[in-house]
Amino acid sequence: MKLPVLLAAAAVAALSLAAVQDAGAAPKPKAANAAANPNGTETTEGLVTGVTLADMYQIEAGHIAQAKAQSSAVKDFGKQMVTEHTAMSNQMKHIFVATNTKIPTELGARGKRMINDLNAATPEAFDKLYLSQQLSAQSGELTLLSAYAEGGESSDIRPAAANAVPKVKAHLAKVHELQAELK
């Protein structure tokens, strides 16, 4: 029963993280290709790649939101994303280095297109676009972290993933709140 749930969660994470990953860059992490190891656990490679790309996107998009958002609440959220995802990246970086997994150093083509879309958005369209992208990125990161915390390969990394889950849940709740305010 646990395996189908993990596979479904990994599939959702892979689809959601497609918003920040590039299908044509380096080989996709196993989590995106196979969803999980044959034994039903999330791959460390998938976690490292997914979280790193999501955090890079969050930081860059947050900087843009601080400059372009029309709503002060969205500007403040962008600033919060820069601060908190930078802190999350720094906390996870030393753990990830120990895995000997290649850590992405730049966004893939799709992540870059998302950033380009934010840069090109009109002032009237920016806040909704930013929050829509946030919904996708935060949901994907939450799914990936939650699945890894529950059944990831490394018992050393699972607690770090579990510790990040409440923060990402709070980010996602704030996105929903901001979207409701814009309607």
Protein backbone atom coordinates (compact mmCIF):
# COMPACT_ATOMS: atom_id res chain seq x y z
CA MET A 1 0.00 0.00 0.00
CA LYS A 2 2.85 2.40 0.80
CA LEU A 3 4.57 1.87 -2.58
CA PRO A 4 1.62 3.13 -4.70
CA VAL A 5 1.27 6.19 -2.48
CA LEU A 6 4.98 6.98 -2.79
CA LEU A 7 4.92 6.42 -6.53
CA ALA A 8 1.91 8.70 -6.90
CA ALA A 9 3.55 11.37 -4.75
CA ALA A 10 6.76 11.12 -6.73
CA ALA A 11 4.84 11.38 -10.00
CA VAL A 12 3.10 14.54 -8.79
CA ALA A 13 6.46 15.94 -7.66
CA ALA A 14 8.04 15.16 -11.00
CA LEU A 15 5.21 16.87 -12.87
CA SER A 16 5.20 19.88 -10.55
CA LEU A 17 8.95 20.24 -10.58
CA ALA A 18 8.87 20.22 -14.37
CA ALA A 19 8.12 23.89 -13.92
CA VAL A 20 11.66 24.46 -12.72
CA GLN A 21 13.55 21.62 -14.38
CA ASP A 22 14.80 21.35 -17.90
CA ALA A 23 13.89 18.21 -19.78
CA GLY A 24 16.78 18.74 -22.15
CA ALA A 25 19.59 19.47 -19.69
CA ALA A 26 21.65 16.93 -17.82
CA PRO A 27 19.98 13.55 -17.36
CA LYS A 28 16.81 13.81 -15.33
CA PRO A 29 17.03 12.66 -11.74
CA LYS A 30 15.77 9.15 -11.09
CA ALA A 31 12.81 10.62 -9.21
CA ALA A 32 11.65 12.29 -12.42
CA ASN A 33 12.30 9.24 -14.58
CA ALA A 34 11.29 6.30 -12.47
CA ALA A 35 9.51 8.13 -9.62
CA ALA A 36 11.23 5.93 -7.07
CA ASN A 37 13.72 3.17 -6.64
CA PRO A 38 12.44 -0.37 -7.19
CA ASN A 39 12.22 -0.71 -3.40
CA GLY A 40 9.74 2.18 -3.30
CA THR A 41 11.95 4.90 -1.84
CA GLU A 42 12.59 8.35 -3.19
CA THR A 43 16.05 8.79 -4.67
CA THR A 44 18.57 11.06 -3.07
CA GLU A 45 19.61 12.23 -6.52
CA GLY A 46 16.02 13.28 -7.24
CA LEU A 47 15.77 15.16 -3.96
CA VAL A 48 19.08 16.96 -4.42
CA THR A 49 18.28 18.00 -7.98
CA GLY A 50 14.66 18.91 -7.33
CA VAL A 51 15.23 20.93 -4.16
CA THR A 52 18.27 22.71 -5.57
CA LEU A 53 16.44 23.74 -8.75
CA ALA A 54 13.33 24.76 -6.84
CA ASP A 55 15.32 26.90 -4.43
CA MET A 56 17.30 28.53 -7.24
CA TYR A 57 14.06 29.40 -8.99
CA GLN A 58 12.45 30.68 -5.76
CA ILE A 59 15.38 32.97 -5.03
CA GLU A 60 15.60 34.43 -8.52
CA ALA A 61 11.83 34.82 -8.87
CA GLY A 62 11.68 36.42 -5.42
CA HIS A 63 14.18 39.08 -6.46
CA ILE A 64 12.07 39.87 -9.51
CA ALA A 65 8.90 40.02 -7.40
CA GLN A 66 10.51 42.52 -5.05
CA ALA A 67 11.15 44.80 -8.02
CA LYS A 68 8.06 44.24 -10.19
CA ALA A 69 5.12 43.22 -8.01
CA GLN A 70 2.28 45.70 -7.81
CA SER A 71 0.96 44.47 -4.47
CA SER A 72 3.09 45.24 -1.42
CA ALA A 73 2.05 41.86 -0.01
CA VAL A 74 3.45 40.10 -3.11
CA LYS A 75 6.65 42.18 -2.88
CA ASP A 76 6.98 41.16 0.77
CA PHE A 77 6.38 37.51 -0.14
CA GLY A 78 9.09 37.74 -2.82
CA LYS A 79 11.50 39.06 -0.20
CA GLN A 80 10.49 36.25 2.17
CA MET A 81 11.13 33.67 -0.57
CA VAL A 82 14.62 35.04 -1.19
CA THR A 83 15.45 34.96 2.52
CA GLU A 84 13.90 31.60 3.37
CA HIS A 85 14.91 29.66 0.26
CA THR A 86 18.47 31.00 0.58
CA ALA A 87 18.49 29.74 4.17
CA MET A 88 17.01 26.37 3.10
CA SER A 89 19.62 26.04 0.36
CA ASN A 90 22.43 26.82 2.77
CA GLN A 91 21.10 24.32 5.32
CA MET A 92 20.73 21.55 2.75
CA LYS A 93 23.92 22.29 0.82
CA HIS A 94 26.29 20.65 3.31
CA ILE A 95 24.04 17.58 3.45
CA PHE A 96 23.80 17.41 -0.33
CA VAL A 97 27.57 17.73 -0.83
CA ALA A 98 28.02 14.63 1.32
CA THR A 99 25.87 12.61 -1.09
CA ASN A 100 28.40 12.90 -3.91
CA THR A 101 25.47 13.74 -6.19
CA LYS A 102 25.96 16.34 -8.89
CA ILE A 103 24.31 19.52 -7.63
CA PRO A 104 22.81 21.77 -10.31
CA THR A 105 24.41 25.20 -10.56
CA GLU A 106 21.90 26.87 -12.87
CA LEU A 107 18.28 26.58 -13.88
CA GLY A 108 17.41 24.49 -16.89
CA ALA A 109 15.77 25.92 -20.00
CA ARG A 110 12.24 25.73 -18.61
CA GLY A 111 13.19 27.45 -15.35
CA LYS A 112 14.93 30.15 -17.35
CA ARG A 113 11.80 30.59 -19.49
CA MET A 114 9.73 31.01 -16.34
CA ILE A 115 12.12 33.68 -15.11
CA ASN A 116 12.03 35.32 -18.55
CA ASP A 117 8.21 35.27 -18.42
CA LEU A 118 8.33 37.07 -15.06
CA ASN A 119 10.76 39.64 -16.43
CA ALA A 120 8.58 40.20 -19.50
CA ALA A 121 5.25 40.34 -17.67
CA THR A 122 3.34 43.60 -17.74
CA PRO A 123 2.82 45.27 -14.38
CA GLU A 124 -0.89 44.35 -14.53
CA ALA A 125 -0.16 40.66 -15.14
CA PHE A 126 2.91 40.20 -12.95
CA ASP A 127 1.38 39.40 -9.55
CA LYS A 128 -0.97 36.71 -10.88
CA LEU A 129 1.79 35.13 -12.99
CA TYR A 130 4.24 35.13 -10.10
CA LEU A 131 1.72 33.56 -7.72
CA SER A 132 0.72 30.97 -10.32
CA GLN A 133 4.37 29.98 -10.76
CA GLN A 134 4.77 29.93 -6.98
CA LEU A 135 1.83 27.58 -6.61
CA SER A 136 3.45 25.12 -9.00
CA ALA A 137 6.97 25.41 -7.59
CA GLN A 138 5.97 25.30 -3.92
CA SER A 139 3.58 22.37 -4.50
CA GLY A 140 6.26 20.41 -6.33
CA GLU A 141 8.88 21.06 -3.67
CA LEU A 142 6.43 20.12 -0.90
CA THR A 143 5.53 16.86 -2.60
CA LEU A 144 9.18 15.97 -3.16
CA LEU A 145 10.24 16.81 0.41
CA SER A 146 7.24 15.03 1.96
CA ALA A 147 7.79 11.88 -0.08
CA TYR A 148 11.49 11.84 0.73
CA ALA A 149 10.85 12.46 4.43
CA GLU A 150 8.53 9.46 4.44
CA GLY A 151 10.54 7.02 2.36
CA GLY A 152 13.75 8.52 1.02
CA GLU A 153 16.85 6.44 0.40
CA SER A 154 19.01 8.06 3.05
CA SER A 155 18.06 7.87 6.71
CA ASP A 156 20.57 10.69 7.24
CA ILE A 157 18.75 13.05 4.86
CA ARG A 158 15.13 12.14 5.67
CA PRO A 159 15.09 14.32 8.85
CA ALA A 160 16.33 17.36 6.90
CA ALA A 161 13.57 16.85 4.34
CA ALA A 162 11.02 16.47 7.12
CA ASN A 163 12.25 19.67 8.79
CA ALA A 164 11.78 21.62 5.55
CA VAL A 165 8.19 20.43 5.01
CA PRO A 166 6.47 22.81 7.50
CA LYS A 167 8.23 25.84 6.01
CA VAL A 168 7.20 24.93 2.47
CA LYS A 169 3.63 24.23 3.66
CA ALA A 170 3.57 27.74 5.15
CA HIS A 171 4.83 29.18 1.84
CA LEU A 172 2.10 27.34 -0.05
CA ALA A 173 -0.57 28.57 2.38
CA LYS A 174 0.66 32.13 1.87
CA VAL A 175 0.45 31.72 -1.92
CA HIS A 176 -3.19 30.62 -1.58
CA GLU A 177 -3.89 33.59 0.71
CA LEU A 178 -2.30 36.05 -1.71
CA GLN A 179 -4.15 34.57 -4.68
CA ALA A 180 -7.45 34.96 -2.83
CA GLU A 181 -6.64 38.61 -2.09
CA LEU A 182 -5.95 39.33 -5.77
CA LYS A 183 -9.32 38.03 -6.97
